[in-house]
């Protein structure tokens, strides 16, 4: 994984297209420069994240620091942690 790929991990995104249009997610992984994996802990879990094109997402300036750190260190992340963090936004 390249350094610029790690910049998106933990980033808050808003879906601009598809069935989930208008929903807020967190980036939990990056496949390449065009695709990322997103989850919100409710209908998209960390174990089964959604593959989404970057052009269908609006990047928010916010990061979830604790979640980002856990993802980068490879620690176990629970859906409840993501849900609680997204609810505070």
Protein backbone atom coordinates (compact mmCIF):
# COMPACT_ATOMS: atom_id res chain seq x y z
CA UNK A 1 0.00 0.00 0.00
CA UNK A 2 1.38 3.38 -0.98
CA UNK A 3 1.46 6.39 1.34
CA UNK A 4 -1.24 8.29 -0.55
CA UNK A 5 -3.49 5.21 -0.28
CA UNK A 6 -3.29 5.41 3.51
CA UNK A 7 -4.51 9.01 3.43
CA UNK A 8 -8.07 7.89 2.63
CA UNK A 9 -8.33 5.24 5.35
CA UNK A 10 -10.55 6.53 8.15
CA UNK A 11 -11.90 9.37 6.02
CA UNK A 12 -15.58 10.30 6.17
CA UNK A 13 -17.35 10.15 2.79
CA UNK A 14 -20.84 10.91 1.50
CA UNK A 15 -22.34 8.72 -1.20
CA UNK A 16 -23.42 10.72 -4.27
CA UNK A 17 -24.88 7.85 -6.33
CA UNK A 18 -26.58 4.49 -6.00
CA UNK A 19 -29.05 3.06 -3.51
CA UNK A 20 -27.04 4.52 -0.65
CA UNK A 21 -27.12 8.08 -2.05
CA UNK A 22 -26.95 10.62 0.78
CA UNK A 23 -25.59 8.15 3.36
CA UNK A 24 -22.40 8.76 5.32
CA UNK A 25 -19.67 6.11 5.42
CA UNK A 26 -16.07 5.68 6.49
CA UNK A 27 -13.33 4.42 4.17
CA UNK A 28 -12.02 1.13 5.56
CA UNK A 29 -9.79 0.15 2.65
CA UNK A 30 -8.53 1.16 -0.77
CA UNK A 31 -8.34 -1.22 -3.72
CA UNK A 32 -6.71 1.17 -6.22
CA UNK A 33 -6.95 4.84 -7.11
CA UNK A 34 -10.50 4.42 -8.48
CA UNK A 35 -12.10 2.10 -5.89
CA UNK A 36 -12.39 2.13 -2.10
CA UNK A 37 -14.13 -0.04 0.49
CA UNK A 38 -16.67 1.75 2.69
CA UNK A 39 -18.64 0.76 5.78
CA UNK A 40 -21.07 2.43 8.18
CA UNK A 41 -21.49 -0.29 10.79
CA UNK A 42 -25.24 -0.60 10.16
CA UNK A 43 -26.19 -1.97 6.76
CA UNK A 44 -22.54 -2.19 5.64
CA UNK A 45 -20.34 -3.95 8.18
CA UNK A 46 -16.56 -3.92 8.45
CA UNK A 47 -16.54 -7.62 7.53
CA UNK A 48 -18.50 -6.99 4.31
CA UNK A 49 -17.68 -3.44 3.15
CA UNK A 50 -19.10 -1.97 -0.04
CA UNK A 51 -16.83 -1.49 -3.03
CA UNK A 52 -17.47 2.00 -4.41
CA UNK A 53 -15.94 4.18 -7.12
CA UNK A 54 -14.26 7.36 -5.89
CA UNK A 55 -16.19 9.47 -8.41
CA UNK A 56 -19.43 8.42 -6.66
CA UNK A 57 -18.21 9.69 -3.28
CA UNK A 58 -17.86 13.17 -1.83
CA UNK A 59 -14.84 13.37 0.47
CA UNK A 60 -15.44 15.12 3.78
CA UNK A 61 -12.58 16.87 5.58
CA UNK A 62 -13.11 14.74 8.72
CA UNK A 63 -11.17 11.67 9.80
CA UNK A 64 -12.08 9.27 12.57
CA UNK A 65 -8.70 9.07 14.28
CA UNK A 66 -9.26 6.08 16.59
CA UNK A 67 -10.79 4.02 13.81
CA UNK A 68 -8.07 5.04 11.35
CA UNK A 69 -5.37 3.96 13.81
CA UNK A 70 -7.03 0.58 14.39
CA UNK A 71 -7.38 -0.05 10.64
CA UNK A 72 -3.76 0.87 9.90
CA UNK A 73 -2.47 -1.29 12.78
CA UNK A 74 -4.64 -4.24 11.71
CA UNK A 75 -6.52 -4.38 15.02
CA UNK A 76 -10.05 -5.77 15.33
CA UNK A 77 -12.68 -3.12 14.59
CA UNK A 78 -16.30 -3.52 15.64
CA UNK A 79 -19.32 -2.18 13.76
CA UNK A 80 -20.60 -0.56 16.95
CA UNK A 81 -17.46 1.62 17.08
CA UNK A 82 -18.15 2.90 13.57
CA UNK A 83 -21.86 3.50 14.28
CA UNK A 84 -21.12 5.46 17.44
CA UNK A 85 -18.44 7.55 15.74
CA UNK A 86 -20.67 8.38 12.78
CA UNK A 87 -23.59 9.28 15.05
CA UNK A 88 -21.52 11.99 16.73
CA UNK A 89 -21.07 13.77 13.40
